[in-house]
Amino acid sequence: MSIDFVEALSANNLTAIKAAPKTDVHCHAFFSARRESVEHWLGHPLTKPPPKMKGVEGMMEYADAVLAPHIKHRAGFEFVAMSAMSDAIQDGVVMLEMSFDIRLADFYPNGITELCASIKAL
């Protein structure tokens, strides 16, 4: 017998929540990988985010200080984008709209053409 999504949320049933088909229409490619996945890829822990951030500015301060130094390059971007997609699939996301910042083209010798090819391959 299946459990509906609202019941799964109410019961804190993570297995049922993941099994329910979902959409994610606001996913940033550069910052959507789980921190634990990035830590595993890097081979060392990262500073955990504070329990409460001071708005978008606080979130960006954390991202710039803790995450960006480790992933702000081609290999880092490609890892986090693939990891974010894998996480979404594992979480039952069946439609994902991931945004890609045009500045990511700086990571590729052939610029936007190579970035687009990388995204298409993803």
PDB file of N, CA and C in Angstrom:
ATOM      1  N   MET A   1       0.843  -1.183   0.000  1.00  0.00           N
ATOM      2  CA  MET A   1       0.000   0.000   0.000  1.00  0.00           C
ATOM      3  C   MET A   1       0.885   1.242   0.000  1.00  0.00           C
ATOM      4  N   SER A   2       0.597   2.174  -0.895  1.00  0.00           N
ATOM      5  CA  SER A   2       1.427   3.363  -0.979  1.00  0.00           C
ATOM      6  C   SER A   2       0.894   4.464  -0.061  1.00  0.00           C
ATOM      7  N   ILE A   3       1.761   5.344   0.299  1.00  0.00           N
ATOM      8  CA  ILE A   3       1.435   6.463   1.177  1.00  0.00           C
ATOM      9  C   ILE A   3       1.535   7.728   0.324  1.00  0.00           C
ATOM     10  N   ASP A   4       0.597   8.664   0.476  1.00  0.00           N
ATOM     11  CA  ASP A   4       0.689   9.869  -0.346  1.00  0.00           C
ATOM     12  C   ASP A   4       1.735  10.823   0.236  1.00  0.00           C
ATOM     13  N   PHE A   5       2.102  11.798  -0.566  1.00  0.00           N
ATOM     14  CA  PHE A   5       3.204  12.684  -0.231  1.00  0.00           C
ATOM     15  C   PHE A   5       2.945  13.455   1.062  1.00  0.00           C
ATOM     16  N   VAL A   6       1.735  13.980   1.239  1.00  0.00           N
ATOM     17  CA  VAL A   6       1.410  14.744   2.446  1.00  0.00           C
ATOM     18  C   VAL A   6       1.518  13.858   3.681  1.00  0.00           C
ATOM     19  N   GLU A   7       1.021  12.636   3.581  1.00  0.00           N
ATOM     20  CA  GLU A   7       1.132  11.705   4.703  1.00  0.00           C
ATOM     21  C   GLU A   7       2.597  11.397   4.992  1.00  0.00           C
ATOM     22  N   ALA A   8       3.367  11.216   3.936  1.00  0.00           N
ATOM     23  CA  ALA A   8       4.792  10.930   4.111  1.00  0.00           C
ATOM     24  C   ALA A   8       5.489  12.076   4.828  1.00  0.00           C
ATOM     25  N   LEU A   9       5.169  13.319   4.442  1.00  0.00           N
ATOM     26  CA  LEU A   9       5.743  14.479   5.125  1.00  0.00           C
ATOM     27  C   LEU A   9       5.322  14.517   6.589  1.00  0.00           C
ATOM     28  N   SER A  10       4.032  14.314   6.832  1.00  0.00           N
ATOM     29  CA  SER A  10       3.515  14.351   8.201  1.00  0.00           C
ATOM     30  C   SER A  10       4.155  13.286   9.083  1.00  0.00           C
ATOM     31  N   ALA A  11       4.423  12.125   8.484  1.00  0.00           N
ATOM     32  CA  ALA A  11       5.013  11.018   9.236  1.00  0.00           C
ATOM     33  C   ALA A  11       6.538  11.061   9.249  1.00  0.00           C
ATOM     34  N   ASN A  12       7.117  12.054   8.569  1.00  0.00           N
ATOM     35  CA  ASN A  12       8.573  12.155   8.445  1.00  0.00           C
ATOM     36  C   ASN A  12       9.152  10.861   7.873  1.00  0.00           C
ATOM     37  N   ASN A  13       8.445  10.305   6.879  1.00  0.00           N
ATOM     38  CA  ASN A  13       8.832   9.051   6.237  1.00  0.00           C
ATOM     39  C   ASN A  13       9.703   9.368   5.024  1.00  0.00           C
ATOM     40  N   LEU A  14      11.012   9.440   5.243  1.00  0.00           N
ATOM     41  CA  LEU A  14      11.937   9.843   4.189  1.00  0.00           C
ATOM     42  C   LEU A  14      11.910   8.896   2.993  1.00  0.00           C
ATOM     43  N   THR A  15      11.740   7.613   3.231  1.00  0.00           N
ATOM     44  CA  THR A  15      11.672   6.643   2.138  1.00  0.00           C
ATOM     45  C   THR A  15      10.490   6.946   1.231  1.00  0.00           C
ATOM     46  N   ALA A  16       9.333   7.200   1.810  1.00  0.00           N
ATOM     47  CA  ALA A  16       8.140   7.513   1.021  1.00  0.00           C
ATOM     48  C   ALA A  16       8.267   8.881   0.347  1.00  0.00           C
ATOM     49  N   ILE A  17       8.884   9.841   1.025  1.00  0.00           N
ATOM     50  CA  ILE A  17       9.084  11.172   0.431  1.00  0.00           C
ATOM     51  C   ILE A  17       9.961  11.049  -0.809  1.00  0.00           C
ATOM     52  N   LYS A  18      11.052  10.298  -0.705  1.00  0.00           N
ATOM     53  CA  LYS A  18      11.946  10.125  -1.852  1.00  0.00           C
ATOM     54  C   LYS A  18      11.267   9.369  -2.986  1.00  0.00           C
ATOM     55  N   ALA A  19      10.392   8.425  -2.648  1.00  0.00           N
ATOM     56  CA  ALA A  19       9.735   7.608  -3.667  1.00  0.00           C
ATOM     57  C   ALA A  19       8.694   8.391  -4.464  1.00  0.00           C
ATOM     58  N   ALA A  20       8.148   9.450  -3.885  1.00  0.00           N
ATOM     59  CA  ALA A  20       7.121  10.237  -4.571  1.00  0.00           C
ATOM     60  C   ALA A  20       7.757  11.038  -5.708  1.00  0.00           C
ATOM     61  N   PRO A  21       7.158  11.014  -6.908  1.00  0.00           N
ATOM     62  CA  PRO A  21       7.702  11.822  -8.001  1.00  0.00           C
ATOM     63  C   PRO A  21       7.548  13.310  -7.689  1.00  0.00           C
ATOM     64  N   LYS A  22       8.613  14.066  -7.948  1.00  0.00           N
ATOM     65  CA  LYS A  22       8.615  15.496  -7.634  1.00  0.00           C
ATOM     66  C   LYS A  22       9.248  16.288  -8.771  1.00  0.00           C
ATOM     67  N   THR A  23       9.021  17.601  -8.751  1.00  0.00           N
ATOM     68  CA  THR A  23       9.718  18.499  -9.660  1.00  0.00           C
ATOM     69  C   THR A  23      10.545  19.467  -8.831  1.00  0.00           C
ATOM     70  N   ASP A  24      11.640  19.929  -9.409  1.00  0.00           N
ATOM     71  CA  ASP A  24      12.473  20.962  -8.805  1.00  0.00           C
ATOM     72  C   ASP A  24      12.670  22.008  -9.886  1.00  0.00           C
ATOM     73  N   VAL A  25      12.029  23.155  -9.696  1.00  0.00           N
ATOM     74  CA  VAL A  25      12.089  24.187 -10.726  1.00  0.00           C
ATOM     75  C   VAL A  25      12.972  25.366 -10.316  1.00  0.00           C
ATOM     76  N   HIS A  26      13.800  25.140  -9.299  1.00  0.00           N
ATOM     77  CA  HIS A  26      14.722  26.203  -8.879  1.00  0.00           C
ATOM     78  C   HIS A  26      15.978  25.560  -8.310  1.00  0.00           C
ATOM     79  N   CYS A  27      16.845  25.164  -9.198  1.00  0.00           N
ATOM     80  CA  CYS A  27      18.073  24.469  -8.810  1.00  0.00           C
ATOM     81  C   CYS A  27      19.255  25.189  -9.443  1.00  0.00           C
ATOM     82  N   HIS A  28      20.174  25.659  -8.635  1.00  0.00           N
ATOM     83  CA  HIS A  28      21.376  26.318  -9.135  1.00  0.00           C
ATOM     84  C   HIS A  28      22.473  25.274  -9.302  1.00  0.00           C
ATOM     85  N   ALA A  29      22.954  25.109 -10.515  1.00  0.00           N
ATOM     86  CA  ALA A  29      23.939  24.067 -10.805  1.00  0.00           C
ATOM     87  C   ALA A  29      25.159  24.169  -9.896  1.00  0.00           C
ATOM     88  N   PHE A  30      25.621  25.372  -9.654  1.00  0.00           N
ATOM     89  CA  PHE A  30      26.878  25.554  -8.940  1.00  0.00           C
ATOM     90  C   PHE A  30      26.769  25.264  -7.446  1.00  0.00           C
ATOM     91  N   PHE A  31      25.589  25.407  -6.858  1.00  0.00           N
ATOM     92  CA  PHE A  31      25.458  25.240  -5.416  1.00  0.00           C
ATOM     93  C   PHE A  31      24.390  24.234  -5.011  1.00  0.00           C
ATOM     94  N   SER A  32      24.115  23.239  -5.834  1.00  0.00           N
ATOM     95  CA  SER A  32      23.039  22.297  -5.501  1.00  0.00           C
ATOM     96  C   SER A  32      23.513  20.919  -5.075  1.00  0.00           C
ATOM     97  N   ALA A  33      24.794  20.685  -5.079  1.00  0.00           N
ATOM     98  CA  ALA A  33      25.299  19.400  -4.585  1.00  0.00           C
ATOM     99  C   ALA A  33      25.259  19.405  -3.058  1.00  0.00           C
ATOM    100  N   ARG A  34      25.062  18.258  -2.500  1.00  0.00           N
ATOM    101  CA  ARG A  34      25.099  18.149  -1.038  1.00  0.00           C
ATOM    102  C   ARG A  34      26.513  18.418  -0.537  1.00  0.00           C
ATOM    103  N   ARG A  35      26.601  19.119   0.576  1.00  0.00           N
ATOM    104  CA  ARG A  35      27.916  19.435   1.151  1.00  0.00           C
ATOM    105  C   ARG A  35      28.708  18.158   1.411  1.00  0.00           C
ATOM    106  N   GLU A  36      28.028  17.110   1.871  1.00  0.00           N
ATOM    107  CA  GLU A  36      28.707  15.851   2.158  1.00  0.00           C
ATOM    108  C   GLU A  36      29.331  15.256   0.899  1.00  0.00           C
ATOM    109  N   SER A  37      28.675  15.423  -0.232  1.00  0.00           N
ATOM    110  CA  SER A  37      29.222  14.918  -1.503  1.00  0.00           C
ATOM    111  C   SER A  37      30.481  15.682  -1.885  1.00  0.00           C
ATOM    112  N   VAL A  38      30.443  16.990  -1.691  1.00  0.00           N
ATOM    113  CA  VAL A  38      31.617  17.816  -1.991  1.00  0.00           C
ATOM    114  C   VAL A  38      32.758  17.441  -1.054  1.00  0.00           C
ATOM    115  N   GLU A  39      32.459  17.224   0.222  1.00  0.00           N
ATOM    116  CA  GLU A  39      33.484  16.830   1.185  1.00  0.00           C
ATOM    117  C   GLU A  39      34.126  15.508   0.780  1.00  0.00           C
ATOM    118  N   HIS A  40      33.306  14.565   0.361  1.00  0.00           N
ATOM    119  CA  HIS A  40      33.836  13.262  -0.077  1.00  0.00           C
ATOM    120  C   HIS A  40      34.739  13.448  -1.295  1.00  0.00           C
ATOM    121  N   TRP A  41      34.299  14.252  -2.251  1.00  0.00           N
ATOM    122  CA  TRP A  41      35.079  14.518  -3.462  1.00  0.00           C
ATOM    123  C   TRP A  41      36.407  15.198  -3.119  1.00  0.00           C
ATOM    124  N   LEU A  42      36.367  16.146  -2.172  1.00  0.00           N
ATOM    125  CA  LEU A  42      37.577  16.865  -1.771  1.00  0.00           C
ATOM    126  C   LEU A  42      38.483  16.030  -0.882  1.00  0.00           C
ATOM    127  N   GLY A  43      37.874  15.122  -0.113  1.00  0.00           N
ATOM    128  CA  GLY A  43      38.650  14.317   0.817  1.00  0.00           C
ATOM    129  C   GLY A  43      38.843  14.964   2.171  1.00  0.00           C
ATOM    130  N   HIS A  44      38.064  15.999   2.470  1.00  0.00           N
ATOM    131  CA  HIS A  44      38.143  16.635   3.784  1.00  0.00           C
ATOM    132  C   HIS A  44      36.837  17.374   4.073  1.00  0.00           C
ATOM    133  N   PRO A  45      36.550  17.602   5.360  1.00  0.00           N
ATOM    134  CA  PRO A  45      35.301  18.287   5.732  1.00  0.00           C
ATOM    135  C   PRO A  45      35.355  19.776   5.415  1.00  0.00           C
ATOM    136  N   LEU A  46      34.163  20.346   5.256  1.00  0.00           N
ATOM    137  CA  LEU A  46      34.004  21.785   5.082  1.00  0.00           C
ATOM    138  C   LEU A  46      33.271  22.337   6.302  1.00  0.00           C
ATOM    139  N   THR A  47      33.420  23.609   6.547  1.00  0.00           N
ATOM    140  CA  THR A  47      32.704  24.254   7.631  1.00  0.00           C
ATOM    141  C   THR A  47      31.205  24.153   7.366  1.00  0.00           C
ATOM    142  N   LYS A  48      30.473  23.705   8.370  1.00  0.00           N
ATOM    143  CA  LYS A  48      29.020  23.597   8.221  1.00  0.00           C
ATOM    144  C   LYS A  48      28.400  24.990   8.187  1.00  0.00           C
ATOM    145  N   PRO A  49      27.298  25.131   7.465  1.00  0.00           N
ATOM    146  CA  PRO A  49      26.628  26.443   7.449  1.00  0.00           C
ATOM    147  C   PRO A  49      26.009  26.738   8.808  1.00  0.00           C
ATOM    148  N   PRO A  50      25.838  28.012   9.124  1.00  0.00           N
ATOM    149  CA  PRO A  50      25.192  28.353  10.400  1.00  0.00           C
ATOM    150  C   PRO A  50      23.732  27.908  10.369  1.00  0.00           C
ATOM    151  N   PRO A  51      23.147  27.672  11.535  1.00  0.00           N
ATOM    152  CA  PRO A  51      21.741  27.238  11.586  1.00  0.00           C
ATOM    153  C   PRO A  51      20.792  28.259  10.949  1.00  0.00           C
ATOM    154  N   LYS A  52      21.152  29.533  11.037  1.00  0.00           N
ATOM    155  CA  LYS A  52      20.341  30.584  10.441  1.00  0.00           C
ATOM    156  C   LYS A  52      21.281  31.580   9.770  1.00  0.00           C
ATOM    157  N   MET A  53      20.960  31.906   8.529  1.00  0.00           N
ATOM    158  CA  MET A  53      21.793  32.861   7.796  1.00  0.00           C
ATOM    159  C   MET A  53      21.105  34.214   7.738  1.00  0.00           C
ATOM    160  N   LYS A  54      21.901  35.241   7.541  1.00  0.00           N
ATOM    161  CA  LYS A  54      21.374  36.603   7.446  1.00  0.00           C
ATOM    162  C   LYS A  54      20.972  36.892   6.001  1.00  0.00           C
ATOM    163  N   GLY A  55      19.855  36.313   5.595  1.00  0.00           N
ATOM    164  CA  GLY A  55      19.319  36.559   4.257  1.00  0.00           C
ATOM    165  C   GLY A  55      20.212  36.009   3.162  1.00  0.00           C
ATOM    166  N   VAL A  56      19.951  36.473   1.962  1.00  0.00           N
ATOM    167  CA  VAL A  56      20.727  36.037   0.797  1.00  0.00           C
ATOM    168  C   VAL A  56      22.185  36.444   0.949  1.00  0.00           C
ATOM    169  N   GLU A  57      22.410  37.609   1.547  1.00  0.00           N
ATOM    170  CA  GLU A  57      23.791  38.075   1.735  1.00  0.00           C
ATOM    171  C   GLU A  57      24.586  37.109   2.613  1.00  0.00           C
ATOM    172  N   GLY A  58      23.968  36.622   3.678  1.00  0.00           N
ATOM    173  CA  GLY A  58      24.628  35.660   4.553  1.00  0.00           C
ATOM    174  C   GLY A  58      24.892  34.341   3.849  1.00  0.00           C
ATOM    175  N   MET A  59      23.930  33.922   3.031  1.00  0.00           N
ATOM    176  CA  MET A  59      24.113  32.689   2.265  1.00  0.00           C
ATOM    177  C   MET A  59      25.293  32.835   1.295  1.00  0.00           C
ATOM    178  N   MET A  60      25.357  33.973   0.621  1.00  0.00           N
ATOM    179  CA  MET A  60      26.443  34.187  -0.336  1.00  0.00           C
ATOM    180  C   MET A  60      27.795  34.319   0.375  1.00  0.00           C
ATOM    181  N   GLU A  61      27.818  34.925   1.548  1.00  0.00           N
ATOM    182  CA  GLU A  61      29.067  35.011   2.318  1.00  0.00           C
ATOM    183  C   GLU A  61      29.577  33.608   2.636  1.00  0.00           C
ATOM    184  N   TYR A  62      28.678  32.744   3.099  1.00  0.00           N
ATOM    185  CA  TYR A  62      29.054  31.363   3.402  1.00  0.00           C
ATOM    186  C   TYR A  62      29.541  30.666   2.132  1.00  0.00           C
ATOM    187  N   ALA A  63      28.788  30.771   1.067  1.00  0.00           N
ATOM    188  CA  ALA A  63      29.149  30.105  -0.192  1.00  0.00           C
ATOM    189  C   ALA A  63      30.495  30.588  -0.705  1.00  0.00           C
ATOM    190  N   ASP A  64      30.710  31.896  -0.675  1.00  0.00           N
ATOM    191  CA  ASP A  64      31.980  32.448  -1.171  1.00  0.00           C
ATOM    192  C   ASP A  64      33.164  32.040  -0.295  1.00  0.00           C
ATOM    193  N   ALA A  65      32.953  31.988   1.015  1.00  0.00           N
ATOM    194  CA  ALA A  65      34.048  31.673   1.934  1.00  0.00           C
ATOM    195  C   ALA A  65      34.341  30.182   2.017  1.00  0.00           C
ATOM    196  N   VAL A  66      33.304  29.343   1.986  1.00  0.00           N
ATOM    197  CA  VAL A  66      33.483  27.922   2.276  1.00  0.00           C
ATOM    198  C   VAL A  66      33.447  27.042   1.027  1.00  0.00           C
ATOM    199  N   LEU A  67      32.515  27.301   0.137  1.00  0.00           N
ATOM    200  CA  LEU A  67      32.332  26.411  -1.016  1.00  0.00           C
ATOM    201  C   LEU A  67      33.141  26.836  -2.242  1.00  0.00           C
ATOM    202  N   ALA A  68      32.987  28.085  -2.638  1.00  0.00           N
ATOM    203  CA  ALA A  68      33.579  28.549  -3.897  1.00  0.00           C
ATOM    204  C   ALA A  68      35.078  28.276  -4.030  1.00  0.00           C
ATOM    205  N   PRO A  69      35.888  28.470  -2.983  1.00  0.00           N
ATOM    206  CA  PRO A  69      37.316  28.226  -3.163  1.00  0.00           C
ATOM    207  C   PRO A  69      37.647  26.800  -3.632  1.00  0.00           C
ATOM    208  N   HIS A  70      36.759  25.854  -3.349  1.00  0.00           N
ATOM    209  CA  HIS A  70      37.020  24.458  -3.684  1.00  0.00           C
ATOM    210  C   HIS A  70      36.388  24.012  -4.997  1.00  0.00           C
ATOM    211  N   ILE A  71      35.366  24.741  -5.458  1.00  0.00           N
ATOM    212  CA  ILE A  71      34.639  24.269  -6.642  1.00  0.00           C
ATOM    213  C   ILE A  71      34.564  25.288  -7.766  1.00  0.00           C
ATOM    214  N   LYS A  72      35.215  26.423  -7.605  1.00  0.00           N
ATOM    215  CA  LYS A  72      35.111  27.486  -8.608  1.00  0.00           C
ATOM    216  C   LYS A  72      36.148  27.283  -9.715  1.00  0.00           C
ATOM    217  N   HIS A  73      35.991  26.153 -10.401  1.00  0.00           N
ATOM    218  CA  HIS A  73      36.821  25.802 -11.544  1.00  0.00           C
ATOM    219  C   HIS A  73      36.070  24.725 -12.316  1.00  0.00           C
ATOM    220  N   ARG A  74      36.574  24.372 -13.476  1.00  0.00           N
ATOM    221  CA  ARG A  74      35.852  23.448 -14.351  1.00  0.00           C
ATOM    222  C   ARG A  74      35.549  22.105 -13.672  1.00  0.00           C
ATOM    223  N   ALA A  75      36.552  21.469 -13.110  1.00  0.00           N
ATOM    224  CA  ALA A  75      36.337  20.159 -12.486  1.00  0.00           C
ATOM    225  C   ALA A  75      35.330  20.266 -11.337  1.00  0.00           C
ATOM    226  N   GLY A  76      35.423  21.344 -10.556  1.00  0.00           N
ATOM    227  CA  GLY A  76      34.494  21.541  -9.455  1.00  0.00           C
ATOM    228  C   GLY A  76      33.073  21.736  -9.937  1.00  0.00           C
ATOM    229  N   PHE A  77      32.915  22.584 -10.952  1.00  0.00           N
ATOM    230  CA  PHE A  77      31.580  22.810 -11.507  1.00  0.00           C
ATOM    231  C   PHE A  77      30.995  21.522 -12.066  1.00  0.00           C
ATOM    232  N   GLU A  78      31.779  20.789 -12.840  1.00  0.00           N
ATOM    233  CA  GLU A  78      31.269  19.557 -13.440  1.00  0.00           C
ATOM    234  C   GLU A  78      30.908  18.529 -12.365  1.00  0.00           C
ATOM    235  N   PHE A  79      31.694  18.476 -11.287  1.00  0.00           N
ATOM    236  CA  PHE A  79      31.364  17.565 -10.193  1.00  0.00           C
ATOM    237  C   PHE A  79      30.053  17.967  -9.525  1.00  0.00           C
ATOM    238  N   VAL A  80      29.920  19.236  -9.138  1.00  0.00           N
ATOM    239  CA  VAL A  80      28.721  19.632  -8.398  1.00  0.00           C
ATOM    240  C   VAL A  80      27.463  19.546  -9.257  1.00  0.00           C
ATOM    241  N   ALA A  81      27.572  19.835 -10.551  1.00  0.00           N
ATOM    242  CA  ALA A  81      26.403  19.727 -11.430  1.00  0.00           C
ATOM    243  C   ALA A  81      25.963  18.267 -11.543  1.00  0.00           C
ATOM    244  N   MET A  82      26.910  17.365 -11.753  1.00  0.00           N
ATOM    245  CA  MET A  82      26.575  15.936 -11.845  1.00  0.00           C
ATOM    246  C   MET A  82      26.058  15.418 -10.506  1.00  0.00           C
ATOM    247  N   SER A  83      26.678  15.833  -9.426  1.00  0.00           N
ATOM    248  CA  SER A  83      26.253  15.409  -8.105  1.00  0.00           C
ATOM    249  C   SER A  83      24.835  15.906  -7.807  1.00  0.00           C
ATOM    250  N   ALA A  84      24.551  17.147  -8.160  1.00  0.00           N
ATOM    251  CA  ALA A  84      23.206  17.698  -7.940  1.00  0.00           C
ATOM    252  C   ALA A  84      22.161  16.910  -8.722  1.00  0.00           C
ATOM    253  N   MET A  85      22.490  16.544  -9.960  1.00  0.00           N
ATOM    254  CA  MET A  85      21.548  15.744 -10.754  1.00  0.00           C
ATOM    255  C   MET A  85      21.353  14.370 -10.127  1.00  0.00           C
ATOM    256  N   SER A  86      22.422  13.731  -9.704  1.00  0.00           N
ATOM    257  CA  SER A  86      22.320  12.406  -9.077  1.00  0.00           C
ATOM    258  C   SER A  86      21.500  12.478  -7.790  1.00  0.00           C
ATOM    259  N   ASP A  87      21.743  13.513  -6.986  1.00  0.00           N
ATOM    260  CA  ASP A  87      20.978  13.687  -5.745  1.00  0.00           C
ATOM    261  C   ASP A  87      19.493  13.868  -6.053  1.00  0.00           C
ATOM    262  N   ALA A  88      19.188  14.660  -7.060  1.00  0.00           N
ATOM    263  CA  ALA A  88      17.788  14.898  -7.426  1.00  0.00           C
ATOM    264  C   ALA A  88      17.114  13.596  -7.839  1.00  0.00           C
ATOM    265  N   ILE A  89      17.797  12.793  -8.633  1.00  0.00           N
ATOM    266  CA  ILE A  89      17.240  11.505  -9.066  1.00  0.00           C
ATOM    267  C   ILE A  89      16.994  10.613  -7.855  1.00  0.00           C
ATOM    268  N   GLN A  90      17.972  10.532  -6.944  1.00  0.00           N
ATOM    269  CA  GLN A  90      17.816   9.719  -5.739  1.00  0.00           C
ATOM    270  C   GLN A  90      16.669  10.212  -4.863  1.00  0.00           C
ATOM    271  N   ASP A  91      16.374  11.515  -4.942  1.00  0.00           N
ATOM    272  CA  ASP A  91      15.301  12.102  -4.137  1.00  0.00           C
ATOM    273  C   ASP A  91      13.940  12.017  -4.821  1.00  0.00           C
ATOM    274  N   GLY A  92      13.878  11.357  -5.980  1.00  0.00           N
ATOM    275  CA  GLY A  92      12.602  11.177  -6.665  1.00  0.00           C
ATOM    276  C   GLY A  92      12.200  12.324  -7.566  1.00  0.00           C
ATOM    277  N   VAL A  93      13.136  13.192  -7.900  1.00  0.00           N
ATOM    278  CA  VAL A  93      12.827  14.304  -8.802  1.00  0.00           C
ATOM    279  C   VAL A  93      12.774  13.755 -10.228  1.00  0.00           C
ATOM    280  N   VAL A  94      11.630  13.984 -10.885  1.00  0.00           N
ATOM    281  CA  VAL A  94      11.445  13.478 -12.253  1.00  0.00           C
ATOM    282  C   VAL A  94      11.533  14.597 -13.282  1.00  0.00           C
ATOM    283  N   MET A  95      11.450  15.851 -12.827  1.00  0.00           N
ATOM    284  CA  MET A  95      11.661  16.998 -13.707  1.00  0.00           C
ATOM    285  C   MET A  95      12.525  18.000 -12.958  1.00  0.00           C
ATOM    286  N   LEU A  96      13.659  18.345 -13.547  1.00  0.00           N
ATOM    287  CA  LEU A  96      14.621  19.236 -12.901  1.00  0.00           C
ATOM    288  C   LEU A  96      14.930  20.396 -13.838  1.00  0.00           C
ATOM    289  N   GLU A  97      14.750  21.600 -13.340  1.00  0.00           N
ATOM    290  CA  GLU A  97      15.147  22.799 -14.075  1.00  0.00           C
ATOM    291  C   GLU A  97      16.354  23.384 -13.355  1.00  0.00           C
ATOM    292  N   MET A  98      17.529  23.134 -13.920  1.00  0.00           N
ATOM    293  CA  MET A  98      18.774  23.580 -13.304  1.00  0.00           C
ATOM    294  C   MET A  98      19.260  24.823 -14.045  1.00  0.00           C
ATOM    295  N   SER A  99      19.647  25.838 -13.299  1.00  0.00           N
ATOM    296  CA  SER A  99      20.155  27.057 -13.936  1.00  0.00           C
ATOM    297  C   SER A  99      21.682  27.017 -13.987  1.00  0.00           C
ATOM    298  N   PHE A 100      22.197  27.569 -15.059  1.00  0.00           N
ATOM    299  CA  PHE A 100      23.640  27.628 -15.296  1.00  0.00           C
ATOM    300  C   PHE A 100      24.024  29.080 -15.521  1.00  0.00           C
ATOM    301  N   ASP A 101      24.962  29.569 -14.754  1.00  0.00           N
ATOM    302  CA  ASP A 101      25.434  30.942 -14.856  1.00  0.00           C
ATOM    303  C   ASP A 101      26.346  31.076 -16.073  1.00  0.00           C
ATOM    304  N   ILE A 102      26.126  32.086 -16.877  1.00  0.00           N
ATOM    305  CA  ILE A 102      26.920  32.317 -18.089  1.00  0.00           C
ATOM    306  C   ILE A 102      28.406  32.474 -17.756  1.00  0.00           C
ATOM    307  N   ARG A 103      28.704  32.918 -16.545  1.00  0.00           N
ATOM    308  CA  ARG A 103      30.111  33.096 -16.151  1.00  0.00           C
ATOM    309  C   ARG A 103      30.863  31.773 -16.057  1.00  0.00           C
ATOM    310  N   LEU A 104      30.136  30.652 -16.029  1.00  0.00           N
ATOM    311  CA  LEU A 104      30.791  29.343 -16.017  1.00  0.00           C
ATOM    312  C   LEU A 104      31.576  29.111 -17.299  1.00  0.00           C
ATOM    313  N   ALA A 105      31.240  29.842 -18.360  1.00  0.00           N
ATOM    314  CA  ALA A 105      31.973  29.712 -19.625  1.00  0.00           C
ATOM    315  C   ALA A 105      33.451  30.052 -19.447  1.00  0.00           C
ATOM    316  N   ASP A 106      33.773  30.846 -18.421  1.00  0.00           N
ATOM    317  CA  ASP A 106      35.174  31.187 -18.149  1.00  0.00           C
ATOM    318  C   ASP A 106      36.012  29.965 -17.799  1.00  0.00           C
ATOM    319  N   PHE A 107      35.374  28.875 -17.378  1.00  0.00           N
ATOM    320  CA  PHE A 107      36.084  27.656 -17.004  1.00  0.00           C
ATOM    321  C   PHE A 107      36.516  26.840 -18.221  1.00  0.00           C
ATOM    322  N   TYR A 108      36.076  27.223 -19.405  1.00  0.00           N
ATOM    323  CA  TYR A 108      36.301  26.428 -20.617  1.00  0.00           C
ATOM    324  C   TYR A 108      37.115  27.221 -21.639  1.00  0.00           C
ATOM    325  N   PRO A 109      38.166  26.604 -22.202  1.00  0.00           N
ATOM    326  CA  PRO A 109      38.995  27.310 -23.179  1.00  0.00           C
ATOM    327  C   PRO A 109      38.201  27.829 -24.388  1.00  0.00           C
ATOM    328  N   ASN A 110      37.182  27.083 -24.815  1.00  0.00           N
ATOM    329  CA  ASN A 110      36.373  27.515 -25.957  1.00  0.00           C
ATOM    330  C   ASN A 110      35.089  28.211 -25.516  1.00  0.00           C
ATOM    331  N   GLY A 111      35.074  28.702 -24.293  1.00  0.00           N
ATOM    332  CA  GLY A 111      33.985  29.526 -23.796  1.00  0.00           C
ATOM    333  C   GLY A 111      32.621  28.869 -23.816  1.00  0.00           C
ATOM    334  N   ILE A 112      31.643  29.646 -24.253  1.00  0.00           N
ATOM    335  CA  ILE A 112      30.248  29.233 -24.189  1.00  0.00           C
ATOM    336  C   ILE A 112      29.974  27.985 -25.017  1.00  0.00           C
ATOM    337  N   THR A 113      30.686  27.816 -26.119  1.00  0.00           N
ATOM    338  CA  THR A 113      30.482  26.634 -26.954  1.00  0.00           C
ATOM    339  C   THR A 113      30.813  25.368 -26.174  1.00  0.00           C
ATOM    340  N   GLU A 114      31.931  25.380 -25.488  1.00  0.00           N
ATOM    341  CA  GLU A 114      32.347  24.201 -24.709  1.00  0.00           C
ATOM    342  C   GLU A 114      31.480  24.020 -23.463  1.00  0.00           C
ATOM    343  N   LEU A 115      31.071  25.117 -22.824  1.00  0.00           N
ATOM    344  CA  LEU A 115      30.163  25.025 -21.681  1.00  0.00           C
ATOM    345  C   LEU A 115      28.854  24.372 -22.112  1.00  0.00           C
ATOM    346  N   CYS A 116      28.300  24.818 -23.233  1.00  0.00           N
ATOM    347  CA  CYS A 116      27.041  24.245 -23.723  1.00  0.00           C
ATOM    348  C   CYS A 116      27.200  22.755 -24.024  1.00  0.00           C
ATOM    349  N   ALA A 117      28.333  22.377 -24.596  1.00  0.00           N
ATOM    350  CA  ALA A 117      28.580  20.953 -24.873  1.00  0.00           C
ATOM    351  C   ALA A 117      28.645  20.156 -23.576  1.00  0.00           C
ATOM    352  N   SER A 118      29.260  20.731 -22.555  1.00  0.00           N
ATOM    353  CA  SER A 118      29.361  20.073 -21.252  1.00  0.00           C
ATOM    354  C   SER A 118      27.976  19.904 -20.634  1.00  0.00           C
ATOM    355  N   ILE A 119      27.157  20.928 -20.725  1.00  0.00           N
ATOM    356  CA  ILE A 119      25.798  20.857 -20.180  1.00  0.00           C
ATOM    357  C   ILE A 119      24.982  19.842 -20.942  1.00  0.00           C
ATOM    358  N   LYS A 120      25.124  19.817 -22.258  1.00  0.00           N
ATOM    359  CA  LYS A 120      24.391  18.842 -23.065  1.00  0.00           C
ATOM    360  C   LYS A 120      24.799  17.429 -22.689  1.00  0.00           C
ATOM    361  N   ALA A 121      26.090  17.198 -22.473  1.00  0.00           N
ATOM    362  CA  ALA A 121      26.583  15.881 -22.063  1.00  0.00           C
ATOM    363  C   ALA A 121      26.043  15.493 -20.686  1.00  0.00           C
ATOM    364  N   LEU A 122      25.910  16.482 -19.823  1.00  0.00           N
ATOM    365  CA  LEU A 122      25.387  16.245 -18.477  1.00  0.00           C
ATOM    366  C   LEU A 122      23.985  15.688 -18.541  1.00  0.00           C
TER     367      LEU A 122
END
